[in-house]
Amino acid sequence: MTSKLIQVSNFSYRYNQETEVALKNINFEVAAGEFVALIGANGSGKSTLCNALVGLIPNYFVGFSEGDIIVDEKDTASVNVGELSQTIGLVFQNPFNQLSYTADSVAEELAYGLGNRGVPRDQMFSKIKEIAGLIQIDELLDKNPLELSGGQVQRVALASAIILEPKILVLDECTTQLDPMGSKQIMDIIKKLNENGITIVMVDHDMERVAELADKVYVLQHGSIVLGGTPEEVFCSPHLAEYSVDPPDYYEITKKFIKPGYSKRDFALTESQAIALLQEVVLYEDRNQEPQA
């Protein structure tokens, strides 16, 4: 069995009634356990690619596609979304699209997918309690989903995807409705899920977060992947600005103010890297400071 859980080969897609393609000749792979980030300007094709990865394209959205997307050895064009959902789950950019609108409580909302899979009632209750605690929505279980705030709906949307235990989790800007503290809490959960073996594909506009979490980063522009590699390879590319993407603030700050030669590296992408770099600079200056007369 291949270790590549996702294989996208020469995939292109055009929505019905549109003259321009939304995705053009997309090629990339995601290995089991990887954390992959998709970045790019608004309208670059990120959400369309997410929909294609989980089979909503071509099984739900009407359009024209070429090429192949293979998820866990399943061709997304040949199997239905229900079958794919046993392997890959999606958290929508708009969390309100995640709700079934058939449940009277959050607990029933979380039970919806489990019921469709025939999970026994006792296991269902246990799983709901476990996931509610993980996502910190215990106090919402008895509430009507239609009465929740945007941030609460976002947490419920994530819980409804995680509770089905997919091998792959696709996150399309899954913290847009949350404040900074809530976003960090959710990202800490996502990081832990990845450490426990779940493969993550994440769309995000927070470059500091992308640099900290992702193993691979792919930049999209006008429906094409124009740059890809490790966070260091992508964010240090001289062509990055051409694709309407800014590197993390830590990169700009350290690149501007840290003189080459102070450290093994003269830039940082994350907070921890910046702290380590500044500590090395201080040590360097202390060691090379001329003694006073």
Protein backbone atom coordinates (compact mmCIF):
# COMPACT_ATOMS: atom_id res chain seq x y z
CA MET A 1 0.00 0.00 0.00
CA THR A 2 1.34 3.41 -0.97
CA SER A 3 2.31 5.95 1.70
CA LYS A 4 0.93 8.70 -0.54
CA LEU A 5 -2.59 9.31 0.76
CA ILE A 6 -3.32 12.00 -1.83
CA GLN A 7 -2.09 12.02 -5.42
CA VAL A 8 -3.22 14.84 -7.73
CA SER A 9 -2.17 14.42 -11.35
CA ASN A 10 -2.69 17.05 -14.07
CA PHE A 11 -6.01 18.06 -12.53
CA SER A 12 -7.96 20.92 -14.08
CA TYR A 13 -11.49 22.11 -13.38
CA ARG A 14 -13.91 24.65 -14.81
CA TYR A 15 -17.24 25.48 -13.18
CA ASN A 16 -20.32 25.22 -15.36
CA GLN A 17 -21.23 28.53 -17.02
CA GLU A 18 -17.68 29.85 -16.43
CA THR A 19 -15.27 30.52 -19.30
CA GLU A 20 -12.08 30.49 -17.22
CA VAL A 21 -10.76 27.41 -15.43
CA ALA A 22 -10.74 27.49 -11.64
CA LEU A 23 -7.89 24.96 -11.41
CA LYS A 24 -5.27 24.34 -14.06
CA ASN A 25 -2.92 21.37 -14.32
CA ILE A 26 -2.56 20.77 -10.57
CA ASN A 27 0.10 18.27 -9.54
CA PHE A 28 1.11 17.41 -5.96
CA GLU A 29 1.21 14.57 -3.47
CA VAL A 30 0.54 14.33 0.26
CA ALA A 31 2.17 11.57 2.28
CA ALA A 32 0.51 9.89 5.23
CA GLY A 33 0.98 12.00 8.34
CA GLU A 34 2.06 15.15 6.52
CA PHE A 35 0.84 18.66 7.33
CA VAL A 36 0.36 20.53 4.05
CA ALA A 37 -0.66 24.19 3.71
CA LEU A 38 -2.30 25.76 0.66
CA ILE A 39 -1.79 29.52 0.44
CA GLY A 40 -2.44 32.27 -2.07
CA ALA A 41 -4.53 35.34 -2.74
CA ASN A 42 -8.32 35.28 -2.63
CA GLY A 43 -9.71 33.67 -5.76
CA SER A 44 -6.54 31.67 -6.45
CA GLY A 45 -8.38 28.33 -6.34
CA LYS A 46 -7.72 27.11 -2.80
CA SER A 47 -11.35 26.38 -1.84
CA THR A 48 -12.01 24.77 -5.21
CA LEU A 49 -9.05 22.46 -4.65
CA CYS A 50 -10.37 21.56 -1.19
CA ASN A 51 -13.74 20.67 -2.69
CA ALA A 52 -12.03 18.51 -5.30
CA LEU A 53 -9.94 16.65 -2.72
CA VAL A 54 -13.05 15.52 -0.79
CA GLY A 55 -15.03 14.60 -3.92
CA LEU A 56 -17.54 17.48 -3.93
CA ILE A 57 -15.95 18.11 -7.32
CA PRO A 58 -17.09 16.41 -9.54
CA ASN A 59 -19.81 14.66 -7.50
CA TYR A 60 -21.67 17.76 -6.31
CA PHE A 61 -20.54 20.87 -8.16
CA VAL A 62 -21.38 20.89 -11.86
CA GLY A 63 -18.45 21.51 -14.18
CA PHE A 64 -15.77 20.06 -16.40
CA SER A 65 -12.65 18.34 -15.12
CA GLU A 66 -9.53 16.64 -16.46
CA GLY A 67 -6.84 14.64 -14.73
CA ASP A 68 -7.02 12.52 -11.59
CA ILE A 69 -7.28 12.86 -7.84
CA ILE A 70 -6.57 9.67 -5.93
CA VAL A 71 -7.33 9.65 -2.19
CA ASP A 72 -6.23 6.59 -0.26
CA GLU A 73 -6.19 4.62 -3.53
CA LYS A 74 -9.73 5.76 -4.43
CA ASP A 75 -10.44 7.80 -7.56
CA THR A 76 -12.59 10.72 -6.38
CA ALA A 77 -14.43 10.75 -9.71
CA SER A 78 -15.45 7.10 -9.36
CA VAL A 79 -16.69 6.90 -5.76
CA ASN A 80 -19.40 8.89 -4.00
CA VAL A 81 -18.83 11.53 -1.36
CA GLY A 82 -20.21 9.26 1.38
CA GLU A 83 -17.59 6.61 0.70
CA LEU A 84 -14.81 9.20 0.52
CA SER A 85 -15.93 10.71 3.82
CA GLN A 86 -14.77 7.57 5.59
CA THR A 87 -11.23 8.60 4.61
CA ILE A 88 -11.22 12.37 4.18
CA GLY A 89 -13.18 15.09 5.97
CA LEU A 90 -13.65 18.76 5.16
CA VAL A 91 -14.23 21.76 7.42
CA PHE A 92 -15.78 24.43 5.22
CA GLN A 93 -14.61 28.03 5.00
CA ASN A 94 -18.15 29.05 5.93
CA PRO A 95 -18.94 26.88 8.99
CA PHE A 96 -22.69 27.42 8.58
CA ASN A 97 -22.47 25.24 5.45
CA GLN A 98 -21.33 22.38 7.70
CA LEU A 99 -24.59 22.10 9.61
CA SER A 100 -27.15 19.48 8.59
CA TYR A 101 -30.08 21.71 9.67
CA THR A 102 -31.90 18.55 10.77
CA ALA A 103 -30.79 18.54 14.42
CA ASP A 104 -32.39 20.21 17.42
CA SER A 105 -29.19 20.17 19.47
CA VAL A 106 -25.44 20.19 18.98
CA ALA A 107 -25.30 16.65 20.36
CA GLU A 108 -27.71 15.50 17.64
CA GLU A 109 -25.64 17.40 15.06
CA LEU A 110 -22.52 15.50 16.11
CA ALA A 111 -24.46 12.23 16.11
CA TYR A 112 -25.71 12.76 12.55
CA GLY A 113 -22.69 11.33 10.75
CA LEU A 114 -22.21 8.57 13.31
CA GLY A 115 -25.83 7.49 12.86
CA ASN A 116 -25.38 7.31 9.10
CA ARG A 117 -22.52 4.90 9.68
CA GLY A 118 -24.50 2.71 12.04
CA VAL A 119 -22.42 3.41 15.13
CA PRO A 120 -24.09 1.80 18.20
CA ARG A 121 -25.88 4.20 20.52
CA ASP A 122 -23.59 3.71 23.53
CA GLN A 123 -20.48 4.25 21.42
CA MET A 124 -22.12 7.30 19.88
CA PHE A 125 -22.69 8.96 23.27
CA SER A 126 -19.14 8.16 24.35
CA LYS A 127 -17.68 9.60 21.17
CA ILE A 128 -19.76 12.78 21.37
CA LYS A 129 -18.61 13.37 24.95
CA GLU A 130 -14.97 12.77 24.00
CA ILE A 131 -14.99 15.13 20.99
CA ALA A 132 -16.99 17.81 22.80
CA GLY A 133 -14.35 17.86 25.51
CA LEU A 134 -11.54 18.01 22.96
CA ILE A 135 -13.04 20.96 21.05
CA GLN A 136 -14.31 22.58 24.29
CA ILE A 137 -18.00 22.65 23.36
CA ASP A 138 -19.33 20.63 26.32
CA GLU A 139 -21.64 23.45 27.36
CA LEU A 140 -23.14 23.65 23.85
CA LEU A 141 -24.35 20.05 23.51
CA ASP A 142 -27.95 20.84 24.50
CA LYS A 143 -28.18 24.06 22.48
CA ASN A 144 -29.89 24.41 19.11
CA PRO A 145 -27.22 24.83 16.40
CA LEU A 146 -29.20 27.71 14.89
CA GLU A 147 -28.76 29.71 18.11
CA LEU A 148 -24.95 29.54 18.14
CA SER A 149 -22.52 32.36 17.41
CA GLY A 150 -20.18 32.16 14.42
CA GLY A 151 -17.27 31.05 16.58
CA GLN A 152 -19.37 28.37 18.26
CA VAL A 153 -20.58 27.08 14.90
CA GLN A 154 -16.97 26.92 13.75
CA ARG A 155 -16.06 24.70 16.69
CA VAL A 156 -19.09 22.46 16.07
CA ALA A 157 -18.16 22.22 12.38
CA LEU A 158 -14.66 21.05 13.30
CA ALA A 159 -16.06 18.59 15.84
CA SER A 160 -18.47 17.14 13.27
CA ALA A 161 -15.54 16.40 10.97
CA ILE A 162 -13.18 15.03 13.61
CA ILE A 163 -15.81 12.75 15.19
CA LEU A 164 -15.88 10.61 12.04
CA GLU A 165 -12.16 9.83 12.52
CA PRO A 166 -10.95 10.50 8.97
CA LYS A 167 -7.40 9.67 7.93
CA ILE A 168 -7.19 13.07 6.25
CA LEU A 169 -8.63 16.37 7.45
CA VAL A 170 -9.02 19.26 4.98
CA LEU A 171 -9.38 22.65 6.67
CA ASP A 172 -10.54 25.56 4.54
CA GLU A 173 -9.75 28.57 6.75
CA CYS A 174 -11.31 26.86 9.75
CA THR A 175 -10.71 29.69 12.26
CA THR A 176 -12.17 32.70 10.42
CA GLN A 177 -14.97 33.15 12.98
CA LEU A 178 -12.73 32.81 16.03
CA ASP A 179 -10.80 35.38 18.07
CA PRO A 180 -7.00 35.00 18.38
CA MET A 181 -7.23 32.94 21.58
CA GLY A 182 -9.88 30.65 20.09
CA SER A 183 -7.83 30.28 16.90
CA LYS A 184 -4.77 29.25 18.88
CA GLN A 185 -6.79 26.70 20.84
CA ILE A 186 -8.12 25.14 17.65
CA MET A 187 -4.71 25.11 15.99
CA ASP A 188 -3.22 23.41 19.06
CA ILE A 189 -5.87 20.70 18.64
CA ILE A 190 -5.11 20.39 14.92
CA LYS A 191 -1.40 20.10 15.66
CA LYS A 192 -2.09 17.34 18.21
CA LEU A 193 -4.27 15.46 15.72
CA ASN A 194 -1.45 15.62 13.20
CA GLU A 195 1.06 14.38 15.77
CA ASN A 196 -1.30 11.46 16.39
CA GLY A 197 -1.20 10.49 12.71
CA ILE A 198 -3.98 12.41 10.97
CA THR A 199 -2.89 13.93 7.67
CA ILE A 200 -3.74 17.63 7.43
CA VAL A 201 -4.35 19.80 4.36
CA MET A 202 -4.96 23.39 5.50
CA VAL A 203 -5.87 26.61 3.73
CA ASP A 204 -4.79 29.60 5.78
CA HIS A 205 -3.83 33.27 5.46
CA ASP A 206 -1.78 33.37 8.68
CA MET A 207 1.76 32.91 7.39
CA GLU A 208 3.28 32.65 10.87
CA ARG A 209 0.96 29.74 11.58
CA VAL A 210 1.71 28.12 8.24
CA ALA A 211 5.45 28.39 8.82
CA GLU A 212 5.13 26.88 12.28
CA LEU A 213 2.87 23.94 11.45
CA ALA A 214 3.34 22.90 7.82
CA ASP A 215 5.75 20.33 6.46
CA LYS A 216 5.03 21.43 2.89
CA VAL A 217 3.57 24.63 1.48
CA TYR A 218 1.99 25.15 -1.95
CA VAL A 219 1.26 28.60 -3.36
CA LEU A 220 -1.68 28.94 -5.77
CA GLN A 221 -2.21 31.75 -8.25
CA HIS A 222 -4.96 31.91 -10.87
CA GLY A 223 -5.76 28.23 -10.30
CA SER A 224 -2.20 26.92 -10.68
CA ILE A 225 0.45 25.83 -8.21
CA VAL A 226 3.25 28.30 -8.83
CA LEU A 227 5.53 27.47 -5.91
CA GLY A 228 5.96 24.56 -3.53
CA GLY A 229 8.33 23.09 -0.99
CA THR A 230 9.22 23.37 2.66
CA PRO A 231 8.27 26.59 4.49
CA GLU A 232 11.89 27.72 4.21
CA GLU A 233 11.99 27.09 0.46
CA VAL A 234 8.68 28.87 -0.17
CA PHE A 235 8.96 31.87 2.13
CA CYS A 236 12.58 32.57 1.18
CA SER A 237 11.82 32.46 -2.54
CA PRO A 238 12.66 35.73 -4.34
CA HIS A 239 9.50 35.24 -6.40
CA LEU A 240 7.09 35.12 -3.45
CA ALA A 241 5.90 38.73 -3.81
CA GLU A 242 4.92 38.05 -7.42
CA TYR A 243 2.21 35.71 -6.14
CA SER A 244 0.61 38.22 -3.71
CA VAL A 245 1.94 36.35 -0.67
CA ASP A 246 3.97 37.93 2.12
CA PRO A 247 6.44 35.93 4.21
CA PRO A 248 5.94 35.72 7.98
CA ASP A 249 6.66 38.94 9.88
CA TYR A 250 9.51 37.21 11.71
CA TYR A 251 11.28 36.70 8.38
CA GLU A 252 11.03 40.37 7.41
CA ILE A 253 12.16 41.57 10.85
CA THR A 254 15.16 39.26 11.22
CA LYS A 255 16.20 39.62 7.59
CA LYS A 256 16.23 43.39 7.98
CA PHE A 257 17.87 43.79 11.38
CA ILE A 258 20.07 40.71 11.91
CA LYS A 259 23.46 41.03 10.26
CA PRO A 260 24.77 37.93 8.44
CA GLY A 261 27.52 36.13 10.32
CA TYR A 262 25.95 36.32 13.77
CA SER A 263 24.34 32.93 13.48
CA LYS A 264 24.08 29.72 11.46
CA ARG A 265 20.98 31.32 9.96
CA ASP A 266 20.21 35.00 9.41
CA PHE A 267 16.42 34.78 9.28
CA ALA A 268 13.50 33.32 11.21
CA LEU A 269 10.06 32.14 10.14
CA THR A 270 8.49 31.39 13.51
CA GLU A 271 8.48 32.88 16.99
CA SER A 272 10.65 30.09 18.41
CA GLN A 273 13.19 30.54 15.60
CA ALA A 274 13.25 34.30 16.18
CA ILE A 275 13.88 33.87 19.91
CA ALA A 276 16.68 31.35 19.27
CA LEU A 277 18.24 33.64 16.65
CA LEU A 278 18.20 36.67 18.93
CA GLN A 279 19.78 34.62 21.72
CA GLU A 280 22.58 33.60 19.36
CA VAL A 281 23.09 37.23 18.34
CA VAL A 282 23.37 38.33 21.98
CA LEU A 283 25.90 35.57 22.70
CA TYR A 284 27.87 36.51 19.58
CA GLU A 285 28.03 40.17 20.57
CA ASP A 286 29.03 39.31 24.15
CA ARG A 287 31.88 37.09 22.93
CA ASN A 288 33.16 39.62 20.41
CA GLN A 289 32.77 42.77 22.49
CA GLU A 290 36.07 44.55 22.84
CA PRO A 291 37.30 44.84 26.43
CA GLN A 292 37.15 48.32 27.91
CA ALA A 293 40.40 50.16 28.50
